[in-house]
Protein backbone atom coordinates (compact mmCIF):
# COMPACT_ATOMS: atom_id res chain seq x y z
CA UNK A 1 0.00 0.00 0.00
CA UNK A 2 1.26 3.48 -0.88
CA UNK A 3 2.59 5.58 1.99
CA UNK A 4 -0.10 7.85 3.45
CA UNK A 5 -2.94 5.71 2.10
CA UNK A 6 -5.62 4.85 4.62
CA UNK A 7 -6.60 1.22 4.95
CA UNK A 8 -10.22 2.25 5.55
CA UNK A 9 -12.21 1.64 2.34
CA UNK A 10 -14.50 4.62 2.98
CA UNK A 11 -11.71 7.10 3.54
CA UNK A 12 -10.93 9.10 0.42
CA UNK A 13 -8.87 12.14 1.33
CA UNK A 14 -5.23 12.30 2.26
CA UNK A 15 -4.89 14.83 5.07
CA UNK A 16 -1.62 16.20 3.70
CA UNK A 17 -2.37 16.70 0.01
CA UNK A 18 -5.80 17.39 -1.42
CA UNK A 19 -6.23 15.64 -4.75
CA UNK A 20 -9.78 15.81 -6.10
CA UNK A 21 -9.20 12.78 -8.32
CA UNK A 22 -8.35 10.69 -5.28
CA UNK A 23 -11.96 10.75 -4.12
CA UNK A 24 -13.62 11.37 -7.45
CA UNK A 25 -12.69 8.08 -9.10
CA UNK A 26 -12.71 5.68 -6.17
CA UNK A 27 -15.67 3.37 -5.97
CA UNK A 28 -17.38 3.31 -2.59
CA UNK A 29 -15.94 6.65 -1.48
CA UNK A 30 -17.99 8.13 1.37
CA UNK A 31 -17.10 11.71 0.42
CA UNK A 32 -18.35 11.14 -3.13
CA UNK A 33 -21.53 9.49 -1.87
CA UNK A 34 -22.27 12.39 0.47
CA UNK A 35 -21.57 14.99 -2.22
CA UNK A 36 -23.80 13.14 -4.68
CA UNK A 37 -26.60 13.09 -2.10
CA UNK A 38 -26.48 16.68 -0.93
CA UNK A 39 -25.83 18.14 -4.37
CA UNK A 40 -28.86 16.64 -6.08
CA UNK A 41 -31.57 19.13 -6.92
CA UNK A 42 -34.22 17.69 -4.62
CA UNK A 43 -31.98 17.60 -1.54
CA UNK A 44 -30.89 21.19 -2.09
CA UNK A 45 -34.50 22.35 -2.31
CA UNK A 46 -35.59 20.38 0.77
CA UNK A 47 -32.69 21.77 2.80
CA UNK A 48 -33.41 25.33 1.64
CA UNK A 49 -37.11 25.05 2.52
CA UNK A 50 -36.49 23.47 5.92
CA UNK A 51 -34.08 26.23 6.86
CA UNK A 52 -37.03 28.59 7.07
CA UNK A 53 -39.21 26.42 9.32
CA UNK A 54 -40.42 22.93 10.15
CA UNK A 55 -42.67 21.56 7.40
CA UNK A 56 -45.03 18.65 6.90
CA UNK A 57 -44.63 16.26 3.98
CA UNK A 58 -47.55 17.76 2.05
CA UNK A 59 -46.19 21.29 2.55
CA UNK A 60 -42.83 20.22 1.15
CA UNK A 61 -44.47 18.47 -1.79
CA UNK A 62 -46.53 21.56 -2.66
CA UNK A 63 -43.50 23.83 -2.36
CA UNK A 64 -41.24 21.74 -4.62
CA UNK A 65 -42.50 21.92 -8.17
CA UNK A 66 -42.07 18.70 -10.11
CA UNK A 67 -41.13 16.33 -7.29
CA UNK A 68 -43.09 13.09 -7.04
CA UNK A 69 -44.36 11.74 -3.74
CA UNK A 70 -41.96 8.80 -4.04
CA UNK A 71 -38.93 11.00 -4.79
CA UNK A 72 -39.71 13.30 -1.87
CA UNK A 73 -40.03 10.26 0.43
CA UNK A 74 -36.70 8.86 -0.78
CA UNK A 75 -34.97 12.25 -0.47
CA UNK A 76 -36.27 12.84 3.06
CA UNK A 77 -35.32 9.32 4.13
CA UNK A 78 -31.76 9.77 2.79
CA UNK A 79 -31.35 13.18 4.42
CA UNK A 80 -32.65 11.75 7.70
CA UNK A 81 -30.20 8.83 7.44
CA UNK A 82 -27.34 11.29 6.89
CA UNK A 83 -28.33 13.22 10.02
CA UNK A 84 -29.38 16.35 8.12
CA UNK A 85 -33.15 16.16 8.64
CA UNK A 86 -35.12 15.25 11.73
CA UNK A 87 -38.44 13.42 11.26
CA UNK A 88 -40.93 13.79 14.09
CA UNK A 89 -44.10 11.67 14.21
CA UNK A 90 -46.82 13.13 16.41
CA UNK A 91 -49.16 10.58 18.05
CA UNK A 92 -52.41 12.01 16.73
CA UNK A 93 -55.08 10.71 14.36
CA UNK A 94 -54.42 11.05 11.53
CA UNK A 95 -50.66 10.86 12.17
CA UNK A 96 -48.79 14.11 11.71
CA UNK A 97 -45.17 14.02 10.59
CA UNK A 98 -42.93 17.09 10.67
CA UNK A 99 -39.53 17.55 9.10
CA UNK A 100 -36.87 19.97 10.32
CA UNK A 101 -33.18 20.55 9.77
CA UNK A 102 -30.83 19.17 12.39
CA UNK A 103 -27.97 21.37 13.61
CA UNK A 104 -25.76 19.58 11.07
CA UNK A 105 -28.32 20.29 8.33
CA UNK A 106 -28.32 23.96 9.32
CA UNK A 107 -24.56 24.17 8.85
CA UNK A 108 -24.99 22.65 5.40
CA UNK A 109 -27.63 25.24 4.56
CA UNK A 110 -25.14 28.00 5.39
CA UNK A 111 -22.70 26.44 2.93
CA UNK A 112 -25.39 26.15 0.26
CA UNK A 113 -26.34 29.78 0.85
CA UNK A 114 -22.73 30.81 0.23
CA UNK A 115 -22.86 28.98 -3.11
CA UNK A 116 -26.16 30.68 -4.01
CA UNK A 117 -24.67 34.07 -3.08
CA UNK A 118 -21.64 33.39 -5.31
CA UNK A 119 -23.92 32.34 -8.16
CA UNK A 120 -26.05 35.47 -7.86
CA UNK A 121 -22.95 37.68 -7.74
CA UNK A 122 -21.38 35.93 -10.73
CA UNK A 123 -24.41 35.40 -12.96
CA UNK A 124 -23.71 38.39 -15.24
CA UNK A 125 -20.09 37.37 -15.72
CA UNK A 126 -21.17 33.80 -16.45
CA UNK A 127 -23.83 35.02 -18.93
CA UNK A 128 -21.18 37.09 -20.72
CA UNK A 129 -18.80 34.12 -20.84
CA UNK A 130 -21.57 31.92 -22.26
CA UNK A 131 -22.44 34.49 -24.92
CA UNK A 132 -18.77 34.80 -25.91
CA UNK A 133 -18.40 31.02 -26.06
CA UNK A 134 -21.54 30.68 -28.20
CA UNK A 135 -20.30 33.44 -30.52
CA UNK A 136 -16.95 31.67 -30.99
CA UNK A 137 -18.64 28.32 -31.61
CA UNK A 138 -20.95 29.91 -34.22
CA UNK A 139 -17.95 31.49 -35.98
CA UNK A 140 -16.15 28.13 -35.96
CA UNK A 141 -19.21 26.42 -37.45
CA UNK A 142 -19.36 28.98 -40.26
CA UNK A 143 -15.64 28.44 -40.99
CA UNK A 144 -16.10 24.66 -40.96
CA UNK A 145 -18.97 24.94 -43.47
CA UNK A 146 -16.86 27.17 -45.73
CA UNK A 147 -14.08 24.58 -45.81
């Protein structure tokens, strides 16, 4: 085994040198699995909505356009398993189930908010870069057709 390599199969980052490819290509990497989970569009929306207040399943479903009942159930179950969402069942008839962010989920929301802030601050620069790229590609296509 290479020096500095952890024997733990779920460990993917060397503490001395950060190499994105080290965790990106390894099968079974916990870091990759967590990033895949929290970066999917449904998880991001659930986390953002639960940062505001505790919500019931039906409130979440109404607030998230396009999500199926099954996908919301799966997403909530995965976020609960990861310790990001707390599910509370109230002993009433009919049963009432509330979902809220855990303290860990709240720290993740702060990180997501930083990414949203960056995106909002950079959107004009990104739009300009896209327009420039599209212009260059169109010019290249015209040159290719001429040849």
